[in-house]
Amino acid sequence: MLQSLSLDRTFAGDNRYLVKLTLLVEGVYYHPVYGRMDYSAEVLKQIKGYHDQNVLGYRVPLYLGHETESGGERPAVGYLLPGGMTLEEDEQGKLRLFGIFELVRQDVYEQIWRGEYSYGSAELVVEGLVDKATGEPLGPVLVAHTLTCTPFIPDMLPNQVLSLSLVTRKGRGEARPIYFTLLMEKTMAEQADKMEKPLKEDATSTDVALGLVNEAFAAYREEAERRIQELSARCDELQQQLQSVLAEKRQAELEALVKELQSLNLPSALKEKYIPLIRENSLTENELALTMDNLRTISQHMGGLMFQQFGMAGATPEQMEKNPFEHIIEANRKQKESLRQV
């Protein structure tokens, strides 16, 4: 069963933190302190052979940063796996020596993942070591490796983090790690044709790594697209709910204005004209506010007139249309007319 890589940086307790580090690159280099350093193909093969024979008798440690002036033994953050060295040839035919280390600290695994420690520096002993069984001199021998951001050897490939666990390919008995490399998407696209072809039995570890990286990222992209669709549908649903709530709130506000308009001292015809406009929300906010202010003012003015004429605090529109004190007003008018004639 193939395990998809998770990008949330949450790790289970039983996982193994494996990394693939560049140890050396074939070539001749000149160091300001150590002088000429020859790492020919024969030297790289010799270093690998000594490791395969386990001439040290202990696992090669991995350190963080170069040794300080204070000296003393540094705590290891990982160890080179037995048989973990590989020699691989690049496109220019140059040999590169890699090592697969198992880390003992999750935080260091994440630092390599983020690119905080992109390279390494091999610690070699050329003279002074002897075979513990035969006494024959040995050298050069890799005795340690250090994570760094400033390697001495140029053209180093960036460190790679591998899968959190080993998986078995269908039809094969050997367990292969999933490589999670710090590659750009363009580089992966250029390798797409190679990845889609079935892996050959003699495929290099890089071919296997690129193929599995492609599968892992395809699964991750598919899962991300599915989640985006779900979130988009949820956003549309919430937007509809919000519009419905706002519409109900607006309708309640309009009904409150209609009730207020019905209670004002206004003629029935005026009320019948504005109530549908308000209830159907046909007016803009500014128009509605201005209309209600004017209607309130008219209502107050008409209430004052009714008080002056009829001694009433507020007449209804029906009372205005048919004045119950009309006979008193008519009698007063006739009395005034008689006095005027006299």
C-alpha atoms as a PDB file:
ATOM      1  CA  MET A   1       0.000   0.000   0.000  1.00  0.00           C
ATOM      2  CA  LEU A   2       1.479   3.339  -1.082  1.00  0.00           C
ATOM      3  CA  GLN A   3       1.435   6.060   1.560  1.00  0.00           C
ATOM      4  CA  SER A   4       0.737   9.581   0.330  1.00  0.00           C
ATOM      5  CA  LEU A   5       2.926  12.341   1.719  1.00  0.00           C
ATOM      6  CA  SER A   6       1.327  14.825   4.077  1.00  0.00           C
ATOM      7  CA  LEU A   7       2.381  18.469   3.864  1.00  0.00           C
ATOM      8  CA  ASP A   8       0.989  19.590   7.223  1.00  0.00           C
ATOM      9  CA  ARG A   9       4.225  18.666   9.067  1.00  0.00           C
ATOM     10  CA  THR A  10       2.375  16.463  11.538  1.00  0.00           C
ATOM     11  CA  PHE A  11       4.291  13.272  12.200  1.00  0.00           C
ATOM     12  CA  ALA A  12       3.332  10.014  13.845  1.00  0.00           C
ATOM     13  CA  GLY A  13       5.474   8.535  16.575  1.00  0.00           C
ATOM     14  CA  ASP A  14       6.461   5.350  14.715  1.00  0.00           C
ATOM     15  CA  ASN A  15       7.804   7.084  11.602  1.00  0.00           C
ATOM     16  CA  ARG A  16      11.450   7.037  10.591  1.00  0.00           C
ATOM     17  CA  TYR A  17      13.057  10.348   9.662  1.00  0.00           C
ATOM     18  CA  LEU A  18      15.260   9.486   6.678  1.00  0.00           C
ATOM     19  CA  VAL A  19      17.288  11.982   4.651  1.00  0.00           C
ATOM     20  CA  LYS A  20      19.507  11.640   1.591  1.00  0.00           C
ATOM     21  CA  LEU A  21      22.607  13.867   1.739  1.00  0.00           C
ATOM     22  CA  THR A  22      25.330  14.602  -0.794  1.00  0.00           C
ATOM     23  CA  LEU A  23      28.662  13.558   0.719  1.00  0.00           C
ATOM     24  CA  LEU A  24      31.214  14.227  -2.023  1.00  0.00           C
ATOM     25  CA  VAL A  25      31.398  15.144  -5.705  1.00  0.00           C
ATOM     26  CA  GLU A  26      34.075  13.809  -8.064  1.00  0.00           C
ATOM     27  CA  GLY A  27      36.755  16.396  -8.854  1.00  0.00           C
ATOM     28  CA  VAL A  28      39.930  18.142  -7.700  1.00  0.00           C
ATOM     29  CA  TYR A  29      39.544  21.040  -5.268  1.00  0.00           C
ATOM     30  CA  TYR A  30      41.941  23.386  -3.458  1.00  0.00           C
ATOM     31  CA  HIS A  31      41.382  24.259   0.196  1.00  0.00           C
ATOM     32  CA  PRO A  32      43.108  27.299   1.802  1.00  0.00           C
ATOM     33  CA  VAL A  33      44.186  25.140   4.767  1.00  0.00           C
ATOM     34  CA  TYR A  34      44.369  21.549   3.508  1.00  0.00           C
ATOM     35  CA  GLY A  35      45.637  22.371   0.037  1.00  0.00           C
ATOM     36  CA  ARG A  36      44.909  20.098  -2.938  1.00  0.00           C
ATOM     37  CA  MET A  37      42.038  17.665  -2.389  1.00  0.00           C
ATOM     38  CA  ASP A  38      41.624  14.898  -4.972  1.00  0.00           C
ATOM     39  CA  TYR A  39      38.262  13.169  -4.994  1.00  0.00           C
ATOM     40  CA  SER A  40      38.615  10.995  -8.052  1.00  0.00           C
ATOM     41  CA  ALA A  41      36.213   8.191  -8.940  1.00  0.00           C
ATOM     42  CA  GLU A  42      38.653   5.672  -7.396  1.00  0.00           C
ATOM     43  CA  VAL A  43      38.765   7.644  -4.131  1.00  0.00           C
ATOM     44  CA  LEU A  44      34.977   7.834  -3.911  1.00  0.00           C
ATOM     45  CA  LYS A  45      34.710   4.082  -4.524  1.00  0.00           C
ATOM     46  CA  GLN A  46      37.341   3.448  -1.856  1.00  0.00           C
ATOM     47  CA  ILE A  47      35.415   5.561   0.697  1.00  0.00           C
ATOM     48  CA  LYS A  48      32.230   3.668  -0.098  1.00  0.00           C
ATOM     49  CA  GLY A  49      34.050   0.328   0.156  1.00  0.00           C
ATOM     50  CA  TYR A  50      35.423   1.127   3.622  1.00  0.00           C
ATOM     51  CA  HIS A  51      31.926   2.044   4.783  1.00  0.00           C
ATOM     52  CA  ASP A  52      30.415  -1.147   3.342  1.00  0.00           C
ATOM     53  CA  GLN A  53      33.082  -3.122   5.242  1.00  0.00           C
ATOM     54  CA  ASN A  54      32.267  -1.233   8.478  1.00  0.00           C
ATOM     55  CA  VAL A  55      35.942  -0.609   9.223  1.00  0.00           C
ATOM     56  CA  LEU A  56      35.034   1.930  11.921  1.00  0.00           C
ATOM     57  CA  GLY A  57      32.927  -0.526  13.884  1.00  0.00           C
ATOM     58  CA  TYR A  58      30.279   2.101  14.648  1.00  0.00           C
ATOM     59  CA  ARG A  59      27.717   4.133  12.774  1.00  0.00           C
ATOM     60  CA  VAL A  60      28.912   7.343  11.132  1.00  0.00           C
ATOM     61  CA  PRO A  61      27.330  10.259  13.084  1.00  0.00           C
ATOM     62  CA  LEU A  62      25.638  13.321  11.621  1.00  0.00           C
ATOM     63  CA  TYR A  63      26.212  16.699  13.303  1.00  0.00           C
ATOM     64  CA  LEU A  64      24.716  20.197  13.123  1.00  0.00           C
ATOM     65  CA  GLY A  65      27.273  22.779  12.099  1.00  0.00           C
ATOM     66  CA  HIS A  66      31.049  22.596  12.242  1.00  0.00           C
ATOM     67  CA  GLU A  67      32.947  21.885  15.443  1.00  0.00           C
ATOM     68  CA  THR A  68      33.476  24.916  17.675  1.00  0.00           C
ATOM     69  CA  GLU A  69      36.735  26.020  19.305  1.00  0.00           C
ATOM     70  CA  SER A  70      35.575  24.759  22.688  1.00  0.00           C
ATOM     71  CA  GLY A  71      36.026  21.184  21.454  1.00  0.00           C
ATOM     72  CA  GLY A  72      34.342  18.288  23.193  1.00  0.00           C
ATOM     73  CA  GLU A  73      32.164  15.657  21.689  1.00  0.00           C
ATOM     74  CA  ARG A  74      29.117  16.935  19.853  1.00  0.00           C
ATOM     75  CA  PRO A  75      25.719  15.236  20.145  1.00  0.00           C
ATOM     76  CA  ALA A  76      24.700  13.454  16.961  1.00  0.00           C
ATOM     77  CA  VAL A  77      21.388  14.280  15.293  1.00  0.00           C
ATOM     78  CA  GLY A  78      21.435  11.158  13.107  1.00  0.00           C
ATOM     79  CA  TYR A  79      23.491   8.230  11.816  1.00  0.00           C
ATOM     80  CA  LEU A  80      24.447   6.839   8.422  1.00  0.00           C
ATOM     81  CA  LEU A  81      22.551   3.640   7.702  1.00  0.00           C
ATOM     82  CA  PRO A  82      24.568   0.425   7.151  1.00  0.00           C
ATOM     83  CA  GLY A  83      25.099   0.136   3.415  1.00  0.00           C
ATOM     84  CA  GLY A  84      23.604   3.608   3.081  1.00  0.00           C
ATOM     85  CA  MET A  85      26.237   4.977   0.679  1.00  0.00           C
ATOM     86  CA  THR A  86      25.456   5.110  -3.042  1.00  0.00           C
ATOM     87  CA  LEU A  87      27.482   6.229  -6.052  1.00  0.00           C
ATOM     88  CA  GLU A  88      25.438   7.887  -8.798  1.00  0.00           C
ATOM     89  CA  GLU A  89      26.503   9.406 -12.089  1.00  0.00           C
ATOM     90  CA  ASP A  90      25.016  12.752 -13.167  1.00  0.00           C
ATOM     91  CA  GLU A  91      24.263  13.933 -16.698  1.00  0.00           C
ATOM     92  CA  GLN A  92      27.870  15.128 -17.175  1.00  0.00           C
ATOM     93  CA  GLY A  93      29.217  11.712 -16.200  1.00  0.00           C
ATOM     94  CA  LYS A  94      30.510  12.995 -12.850  1.00  0.00           C
ATOM     95  CA  LEU A  95      30.198  10.643  -9.870  1.00  0.00           C
ATOM     96  CA  ARG A  96      28.406  11.789  -6.737  1.00  0.00           C
ATOM     97  CA  LEU A  97      28.591  10.017  -3.389  1.00  0.00           C
ATOM     98  CA  PHE A  98      25.335  10.058  -1.402  1.00  0.00           C
ATOM     99  CA  GLY A  99      24.479   8.833   2.078  1.00  0.00           C
ATOM    100  CA  ILE A 100      21.110   7.942   3.606  1.00  0.00           C
ATOM    101  CA  PHE A 101      20.938   8.965   7.271  1.00  0.00           C
ATOM    102  CA  GLU A 102      18.319   8.223   9.889  1.00  0.00           C
ATOM    103  CA  LEU A 103      17.693  11.244  12.113  1.00  0.00           C
ATOM    104  CA  VAL A 104      16.955  11.026  15.813  1.00  0.00           C
ATOM    105  CA  ARG A 105      15.368  14.485  16.009  1.00  0.00           C
ATOM    106  CA  GLN A 106      12.177  15.516  14.262  1.00  0.00           C
ATOM    107  CA  ASP A 107      13.049  19.227  14.375  1.00  0.00           C
ATOM    108  CA  VAL A 108      16.208  18.610  12.330  1.00  0.00           C
ATOM    109  CA  TYR A 109      14.118  16.667   9.807  1.00  0.00           C
ATOM    110  CA  GLU A 110      11.823  19.690   9.469  1.00  0.00           C
ATOM    111  CA  GLN A 111      14.787  22.073   9.156  1.00  0.00           C
ATOM    112  CA  ILE A 112      16.147  20.072   6.224  1.00  0.00           C
ATOM    113  CA  TRP A 113      12.629  19.991   4.782  1.00  0.00           C
ATOM    114  CA  ARG A 114      12.383  23.788   4.940  1.00  0.00           C
ATOM    115  CA  GLY A 115      15.868  24.228   3.448  1.00  0.00           C
ATOM    116  CA  GLU A 116      17.512  25.616   6.574  1.00  0.00           C
ATOM    117  CA  TYR A 117      20.308  23.044   6.154  1.00  0.00           C
ATOM    118  CA  SER A 118      20.593  22.540   2.408  1.00  0.00           C
ATOM    119  CA  TYR A 119      24.090  21.045   2.191  1.00  0.00           C
ATOM    120  CA  GLY A 120      26.685  19.114   4.122  1.00  0.00           C
ATOM    121  CA  SER A 121      30.415  18.774   4.753  1.00  0.00           C
ATOM    122  CA  ALA A 122      32.116  15.373   4.920  1.00  0.00           C
ATOM    123  CA  GLU A 123      34.668  14.743   7.680  1.00  0.00           C
ATOM    124  CA  LEU A 124      37.378  12.408   6.336  1.00  0.00           C
ATOM    125  CA  VAL A 125      40.448  10.869   7.915  1.00  0.00           C
ATOM    126  CA  VAL A 126      43.148  10.247   5.306  1.00  0.00           C
ATOM    127  CA  GLU A 127      45.964   9.015   7.543  1.00  0.00           C
ATOM    128  CA  GLY A 128      46.294   7.504  10.986  1.00  0.00           C
ATOM    129  CA  LEU A 129      43.505   4.935  10.892  1.00  0.00           C
ATOM    130  CA  VAL A 130      44.257   1.210  10.850  1.00  0.00           C
ATOM    131  CA  ASP A 131      42.095  -1.859  10.381  1.00  0.00           C
ATOM    132  CA  LYS A 132      41.198  -3.028  13.890  1.00  0.00           C
ATOM    133  CA  ALA A 133      41.398  -6.667  12.828  1.00  0.00           C
ATOM    134  CA  THR A 134      44.509  -6.712  10.594  1.00  0.00           C
ATOM    135  CA  GLY A 135      46.360  -3.528  11.584  1.00  0.00           C
ATOM    136  CA  GLU A 136      46.625  -2.399   7.953  1.00  0.00           C
ATOM    137  CA  PRO A 137      46.476   1.380   7.398  1.00  0.00           C
ATOM    138  CA  LEU A 138      43.204   2.800   6.119  1.00  0.00           C
ATOM    139  CA  GLY A 139      42.254   5.945   4.306  1.00  0.00           C
ATOM    140  CA  PRO A 140      40.453   7.935   3.352  1.00  0.00           C
ATOM    141  CA  VAL A 141      37.553   7.000   5.654  1.00  0.00           C
ATOM    142  CA  LEU A 142      34.350   8.968   6.307  1.00  0.00           C
ATOM    143  CA  VAL A 143      34.137   9.376  10.084  1.00  0.00           C
ATOM    144  CA  ALA A 144      31.347  11.970  10.314  1.00  0.00           C
ATOM    145  CA  HIS A 145      29.176  14.304   8.268  1.00  0.00           C
ATOM    146  CA  THR A 146      28.034  17.822   9.168  1.00  0.00           C
ATOM    147  CA  LEU A 147      24.947  19.732   8.053  1.00  0.00           C
ATOM    148  CA  THR A 148      25.797  23.235   6.866  1.00  0.00           C
ATOM    149  CA  CYS A 149      24.630  26.048   4.617  1.00  0.00           C
ATOM    150  CA  THR A 150      28.133  26.889   3.323  1.00  0.00           C
ATOM    151  CA  PRO A 151      29.735  23.765   1.798  1.00  0.00           C
ATOM    152  CA  PHE A 152      33.320  23.855   0.567  1.00  0.00           C
ATOM    153  CA  ILE A 153      32.744  21.624  -2.461  1.00  0.00           C
ATOM    154  CA  PRO A 154      30.856  23.414  -5.260  1.00  0.00           C
ATOM    155  CA  ASP A 155      28.000  21.994  -7.308  1.00  0.00           C
ATOM    156  CA  MET A 156      26.501  20.127  -4.346  1.00  0.00           C
ATOM    157  CA  LEU A 157      22.941  18.891  -4.729  1.00  0.00           C
ATOM    158  CA  PRO A 158      20.538  20.079  -1.993  1.00  0.00           C
ATOM    159  CA  ASN A 159      19.736  17.689   0.812  1.00  0.00           C
ATOM    160  CA  GLN A 160      16.584  15.618   0.391  1.00  0.00           C
ATOM    161  CA  VAL A 161      14.071  14.382   2.933  1.00  0.00           C
ATOM    162  CA  LEU A 162      12.710  10.928   2.299  1.00  0.00           C
ATOM    163  CA  SER A 163       9.400   9.371   3.248  1.00  0.00           C
ATOM    164  CA  LEU A 164       8.315   9.021   6.835  1.00  0.00           C
ATOM    165  CA  SER A 165       7.984   5.259   6.366  1.00  0.00           C
ATOM    166  CA  LEU A 166       9.009   2.561   3.926  1.00  0.00           C
ATOM    167  CA  VAL A 167       6.571   1.137   1.365  1.00  0.00           C
ATOM    168  CA  THR A 168       6.592  -1.921  -0.832  1.00  0.00           C
ATOM    169  CA  ARG A 169       5.867  -1.630  -4.521  1.00  0.00           C
ATOM    170  CA  LYS A 170       3.425  -4.134  -5.969  1.00  0.00           C
ATOM    171  CA  GLY A 171       5.158  -7.091  -7.505  1.00  0.00           C
ATOM    172  CA  ARG A 172       8.473  -6.381  -5.736  1.00  0.00           C
ATOM    173  CA  GLY A 173       9.819  -7.770  -2.544  1.00  0.00           C
ATOM    174  CA  GLU A 174      12.148  -4.942  -1.559  1.00  0.00           C
ATOM    175  CA  ALA A 175      11.040  -1.907   0.416  1.00  0.00           C
ATOM    176  CA  ARG A 176      11.754   1.425  -1.223  1.00  0.00           C
ATOM    177  CA  PRO A 177      11.603   4.867   0.410  1.00  0.00           C
ATOM    178  CA  ILE A 178       9.411   7.605  -1.012  1.00  0.00           C
ATOM    179  CA  TYR A 179      11.641  10.555  -1.859  1.00  0.00           C
ATOM    180  CA  PHE A 180      10.262  13.989  -1.016  1.00  0.00           C
ATOM    181  CA  THR A 181      12.741  16.236  -2.800  1.00  0.00           C
ATOM    182  CA  LEU A 182      12.937  20.009  -2.801  1.00  0.00           C
ATOM    183  CA  LEU A 183      12.251  20.230  -6.533  1.00  0.00           C
ATOM    184  CA  MET A 184      10.563  22.990  -8.487  1.00  0.00           C
ATOM    185  CA  GLU A 185       7.325  22.187 -10.303  1.00  0.00           C
ATOM    186  CA  LYS A 186       8.984  22.956 -13.638  1.00  0.00           C
ATOM    187  CA  THR A 187      11.641  20.334 -12.986  1.00  0.00           C
ATOM    188  CA  MET A 188       8.958  17.790 -12.177  1.00  0.00           C
ATOM    189  CA  ALA A 189       7.041  18.643 -15.347  1.00  0.00           C
ATOM    190  CA  GLU A 190      10.174  18.031 -17.425  1.00  0.00           C
ATOM    191  CA  GLN A 191      10.407  14.554 -15.915  1.00  0.00           C
ATOM    192  CA  ALA A 192       6.699  13.751 -16.438  1.00  0.00           C
ATOM    193  CA  ASP A 193       7.236  11.418 -19.404  1.00  0.00           C
ATOM    194  CA  LYS A 194       9.876   9.460 -17.547  1.00  0.00           C
ATOM    195  CA  MET A 195       7.706   9.156 -14.454  1.00  0.00           C
ATOM    196  CA  GLU A 196       4.696   7.793 -16.352  1.00  0.00           C
ATOM    197  CA  LYS A 197       6.685   4.871 -17.742  1.00  0.00           C
ATOM    198  CA  PRO A 198       6.931   1.673 -15.652  1.00  0.00           C
ATOM    199  CA  LEU A 199      10.037   1.554 -13.483  1.00  0.00           C
ATOM    200  CA  LYS A 200      12.715  -0.744 -14.818  1.00  0.00           C
ATOM    201  CA  GLU A 201      14.435  -3.247 -12.602  1.00  0.00           C
ATOM    202  CA  ASP A 202      17.761  -1.472 -13.083  1.00  0.00           C
ATOM    203  CA  ALA A 203      16.363   2.024 -12.483  1.00  0.00           C
ATOM    204  CA  THR A 204      18.502   4.270 -10.335  1.00  0.00           C
ATOM    205  CA  SER A 205      17.356   5.533  -6.973  1.00  0.00           C
ATOM    206  CA  THR A 206      16.827   8.979  -8.516  1.00  0.00           C
ATOM    207  CA  ASP A 207      14.401   7.572 -11.092  1.00  0.00           C
ATOM    208  CA  VAL A 208      12.487   5.767  -8.373  1.00  0.00           C
ATOM    209  CA  ALA A 209      12.444   8.913  -6.251  1.00  0.00           C
ATOM    210  CA  LEU A 210      11.130  11.143  -9.022  1.00  0.00           C
ATOM    211  CA  GLY A 211       8.420   8.660  -9.925  1.00  0.00           C
ATOM    212  CA  LEU A 212       7.159   8.387  -6.370  1.00  0.00           C
ATOM    213  CA  VAL A 213       7.340  12.143  -5.845  1.00  0.00           C
ATOM    214  CA  ASN A 214       5.099  12.592  -8.873  1.00  0.00           C
ATOM    215  CA  GLU A 215       2.574  10.102  -7.496  1.00  0.00           C
ATOM    216  CA  ALA A 216       2.590  11.770  -4.081  1.00  0.00           C
ATOM    217  CA  PHE A 217       2.097  15.272  -5.467  1.00  0.00           C
ATOM    218  CA  ALA A 218      -0.659  14.098  -7.841  1.00  0.00           C
ATOM    219  CA  ALA A 219      -2.557  12.649  -4.879  1.00  0.00           C
ATOM    220  CA  TYR A 220      -1.985  15.829  -2.872  1.00  0.00           C
ATOM    221  CA  ARG A 221      -3.168  18.052  -5.749  1.00  0.00           C
ATOM    222  CA  GLU A 222      -6.295  15.926  -6.234  1.00  0.00           C
ATOM    223  CA  GLU A 223      -7.108  16.153  -2.524  1.00  0.00           C
ATOM    224  CA  ALA A 224      -6.522  19.931  -2.539  1.00  0.00           C
ATOM    225  CA  GLU A 225      -8.846  20.420  -5.531  1.00  0.00           C
ATOM    226  CA  ARG A 226     -11.553  18.358  -3.826  1.00  0.00           C
ATOM    227  CA  ARG A 227     -11.271  20.455  -0.663  1.00  0.00           C
ATOM    228  CA  ILE A 228     -11.421  23.681  -2.705  1.00  0.00           C
ATOM    229  CA  GLN A 229     -14.653  22.529  -4.352  1.00  0.00           C
ATOM    230  CA  GLU A 230     -16.166  21.636  -0.984  1.00  0.00           C
ATOM    231  CA  LEU A 231     -15.204  24.993   0.513  1.00  0.00           C
ATOM    232  CA  SER A 232     -16.539  26.848  -2.541  1.00  0.00           C
ATOM    233  CA  ALA A 233     -19.902  25.070  -2.265  1.00  0.00           C
ATOM    234  CA  ARG A 234     -20.022  25.835   1.464  1.00  0.00           C
ATOM    235  CA  CYS A 235     -19.269  29.513   0.799  1.00  0.00           C
ATOM    236  CA  ASP A 236     -22.140  29.687  -1.728  1.00  0.00           C
ATOM    237  CA  GLU A 237     -24.486  28.089   0.810  1.00  0.00           C
ATOM    238  CA  LEU A 238     -23.465  30.546   3.536  1.00  0.00           C
ATOM    239  CA  GLN A 239     -23.864  33.450   1.112  1.00  0.00           C
ATOM    240  CA  GLN A 240     -27.431  32.364   0.335  1.00  0.00           C
ATOM    241  CA  GLN A 241     -28.219  32.041   4.034  1.00  0.00           C
ATOM    242  CA  LEU A 242     -26.803  35.514   4.677  1.00  0.00           C
ATOM    243  CA  GLN A 243     -28.905  37.024   1.878  1.00  0.00           C
ATOM    244  CA  SER A 244     -32.016  35.326   3.282  1.00  0.00           C
ATOM    245  CA  VAL A 245     -31.352  36.665   6.796  1.00  0.00           C
ATOM    246  CA  LEU A 246     -30.714  40.179   5.463  1.00  0.00           C
ATOM    247  CA  ALA A 247     -33.916  40.045   3.420  1.00  0.00           C
ATOM    248  CA  GLU A 248     -35.951  38.991   6.471  1.00  0.00           C
ATOM    249  CA  LYS A 249     -34.349  41.735   8.554  1.00  0.00           C
ATOM    250  CA  ARG A 250     -35.117  44.316   5.875  1.00  0.00           C
ATOM    251  CA  GLN A 251     -38.733  43.186   5.591  1.00  0.00           C
ATOM    252  CA  ALA A 252     -39.163  43.445   9.357  1.00  0.00           C
ATOM    253  CA  GLU A 253     -37.803  47.007   9.273  1.00  0.00           C
ATOM    254  CA  LEU A 254     -40.198  47.942   6.468  1.00  0.00           C
ATOM    255  CA  GLU A 255     -43.189  46.450   8.324  1.00  0.00           C
ATOM    256  CA  ALA A 256     -42.241  48.515  11.380  1.00  0.00           C
ATOM    257  CA  LEU A 257     -42.261  51.667   9.202  1.00  0.00           C
ATOM    258  CA  VAL A 258     -45.658  50.688   7.776  1.00  0.00           C
ATOM    259  CA  LYS A 259     -47.096  50.359  11.297  1.00  0.00           C
ATOM    260  CA  GLU A 260     -45.650  53.750  12.205  1.00  0.00           C
ATOM    261  CA  LEU A 261     -47.169  55.297   9.073  1.00  0.00           C
ATOM    262  CA  GLN A 262     -50.587  53.831   9.901  1.00  0.00           C
ATOM    263  CA  SER A 263     -50.442  55.468  13.339  1.00  0.00           C
ATOM    264  CA  LEU A 264     -49.688  58.978  11.999  1.00  0.00           C
ATOM    265  CA  ASN A 265     -52.327  61.778  11.735  1.00  0.00           C
ATOM    266  CA  LEU A 266     -52.555  61.592   7.942  1.00  0.00           C
ATOM    267  CA  PRO A 267     -55.396  61.241   5.441  1.00  0.00           C
ATOM    268  CA  SER A 268     -56.218  57.678   4.375  1.00  0.00           C
ATOM    269  CA  ALA A 269     -55.443  58.489   0.734  1.00  0.00           C
ATOM    270  CA  LEU A 270     -51.922  59.575   1.675  1.00  0.00           C
ATOM    271  CA  LYS A 271     -51.363  56.417   3.671  1.00  0.00           C
ATOM    272  CA  GLU A 272     -52.667  54.207   0.872  1.00  0.00           C
ATOM    273  CA  LYS A 273     -50.219  55.867  -1.491  1.00  0.00           C
ATOM    274  CA  TYR A 274     -47.042  55.316   0.563  1.00  0.00           C
ATOM    275  CA  ILE A 275     -47.722  52.012   2.315  1.00  0.00           C
ATOM    276  CA  PRO A 276     -47.241  49.878  -0.879  1.00  0.00           C
ATOM    277  CA  LEU A 277     -44.074  51.794  -1.787  1.00  0.00           C
ATOM    278  CA  ILE A 278     -42.574  51.102   1.610  1.00  0.00           C
ATOM    279  CA  ARG A 279     -43.749  47.489   1.861  1.00  0.00           C
ATOM    280  CA  GLU A 280     -42.394  46.614  -1.624  1.00  0.00           C
ATOM    281  CA  ASN A 281     -39.068  48.343  -0.848  1.00  0.00           C
ATOM    282  CA  SER A 282     -39.399  50.551  -3.906  1.00  0.00           C
ATOM    283  CA  LEU A 283     -37.609  53.514  -2.349  1.00  0.00           C
ATOM    284  CA  THR A 284     -33.892  53.903  -1.773  1.00  0.00           C
ATOM    285  CA  GLU A 285     -32.536  54.377   1.738  1.00  0.00           C
ATOM    286  CA  ASN A 286     -32.260  58.126   1.290  1.00  0.00           C
ATOM    287  CA  GLU A 287     -35.702  58.432  -0.323  1.00  0.00           C
ATOM    288  CA  LEU A 288     -37.286  56.325   2.418  1.00  0.00           C
ATOM    289  CA  ALA A 289     -35.673  58.335   5.225  1.00  0.00           C
ATOM    290  CA  LEU A 290     -36.682  61.668   3.629  1.00  0.00           C
ATOM    291  CA  THR A 291     -40.267  60.496   2.992  1.00  0.00           C
ATOM    292  CA  MET A 292     -40.757  59.277   6.571  1.00  0.00           C
ATOM    293  CA  ASP A 293     -39.335  62.520   7.983  1.00  0.00           C
ATOM    294  CA  ASN A 294     -41.750  64.573   5.838  1.00  0.00           C
ATOM    295  CA  LEU A 295     -44.736  62.407   6.772  1.00  0.00           C
ATOM    296  CA  ARG A 296     -43.900  62.706  10.478  1.00  0.00           C
ATOM    297  CA  THR A 297     -43.648  66.500  10.120  1.00  0.00           C
ATOM    298  CA  ILE A 298     -46.991  66.680   8.300  1.00  0.00           C
ATOM    299  CA  SER A 299     -48.594  64.512  10.967  1.00  0.00           C
ATOM    300  CA  GLN A 300     -47.379  66.801  13.758  1.00  0.00           C
ATOM    301  CA  HIS A 301     -48.555  69.903  11.889  1.00  0.00           C
ATOM    302  CA  MET A 302     -52.007  68.464  11.225  1.00  0.00           C
ATOM    303  CA  GLY A 303     -52.316  67.388  14.866  1.00  0.00           C
ATOM    304  CA  GLY A 304     -51.621  70.983  15.955  1.00  0.00           C
ATOM    305  CA  LEU A 305     -54.263  72.321  13.561  1.00  0.00           C
ATOM    306  CA  MET A 306     -56.863  69.897  14.896  1.00  0.00           C
ATOM    307  CA  PHE A 307     -56.120  70.992  18.462  1.00  0.00           C
ATOM    308  CA  GLN A 308     -56.568  74.650  17.550  1.00  0.00           C
ATOM    309  CA  GLN A 309     -59.812  74.122  15.625  1.00  0.00           C
ATOM    310  CA  PHE A 310     -61.522  71.362  17.572  1.00  0.00           C
ATOM    311  CA  GLY A 311     -59.737  71.308  20.907  1.00  0.00           C
ATOM    312  CA  MET A 312     -58.540  67.772  20.204  1.00  0.00           C
ATOM    313  CA  ALA A 313     -55.071  66.405  20.774  1.00  0.00           C
ATOM    314  CA  GLY A 314     -55.194  64.421  17.601  1.00  0.00           C
ATOM    315  CA  ALA A 315     -57.926  63.812  15.091  1.00  0.00           C
ATOM    316  CA  THR A 316     -58.102  60.696  12.953  1.00  0.00           C
ATOM    317  CA  PRO A 317     -58.344  60.977   9.172  1.00  0.00           C
ATOM    318  CA  GLU A 318     -61.987  59.840   9.400  1.00  0.00           C
ATOM    319  CA  GLN A 319     -62.766  62.689  11.787  1.00  0.00           C
ATOM    320  CA  MET A 320     -61.161  65.132   9.400  1.00  0.00           C
ATOM    321  CA  GLU A 321     -63.313  63.979   6.540  1.00  0.00           C
ATOM    322  CA  LYS A 322     -66.556  64.268   8.645  1.00  0.00           C
ATOM    323  CA  ASN A 323     -66.223  66.819  11.457  1.00  0.00           C
ATOM    324  CA  PRO A 324     -68.511  65.972  14.412  1.00  0.00           C
ATOM    325  CA  PHE A 325     -68.500  69.700  15.522  1.00  0.00           C
ATOM    326  CA  GLU A 326     -69.648  71.049  12.176  1.00  0.00           C
ATOM    327  CA  HIS A 327     -73.022  72.354  13.561  1.00  0.00           C
ATOM    328  CA  ILE A 328     -71.207  74.352  16.290  1.00  0.00           C
ATOM    329  CA  ILE A 329     -68.905  75.913  13.768  1.00  0.00           C
ATOM    330  CA  GLU A 330     -71.864  76.818  11.547  1.00  0.00           C
ATOM    331  CA  ALA A 331     -73.704  78.440  14.478  1.00  0.00           C
ATOM    332  CA  ASN A 332     -70.664  80.538  15.363  1.00  0.00           C
ATOM    333  CA  ARG A 333     -70.319  81.590  11.743  1.00  0.00           C
ATOM    334  CA  LYS A 334     -73.936  82.789  11.584  1.00  0.00           C
ATOM    335  CA  GLN A 335     -73.569  84.709  14.850  1.00  0.00           C
ATOM    336  CA  LYS A 336     -70.510  86.520  13.535  1.00  0.00           C
ATOM    337  CA  GLU A 337     -72.332  87.362  10.307  1.00  0.00           C
ATOM    338  CA  SER A 338     -75.259  88.859  12.231  1.00  0.00           C
ATOM    339  CA  LEU A 339     -72.983  90.978  14.354  1.00  0.00           C
ATOM    340  CA  ARG A 340     -71.263  92.201  11.254  1.00  0.00           C
ATOM    341  CA  GLN A 341     -74.529  93.241   9.619  1.00  0.00           C
ATOM    342  CA  VAL A 342     -75.669  95.120  12.739  1.00  0.00           C
END
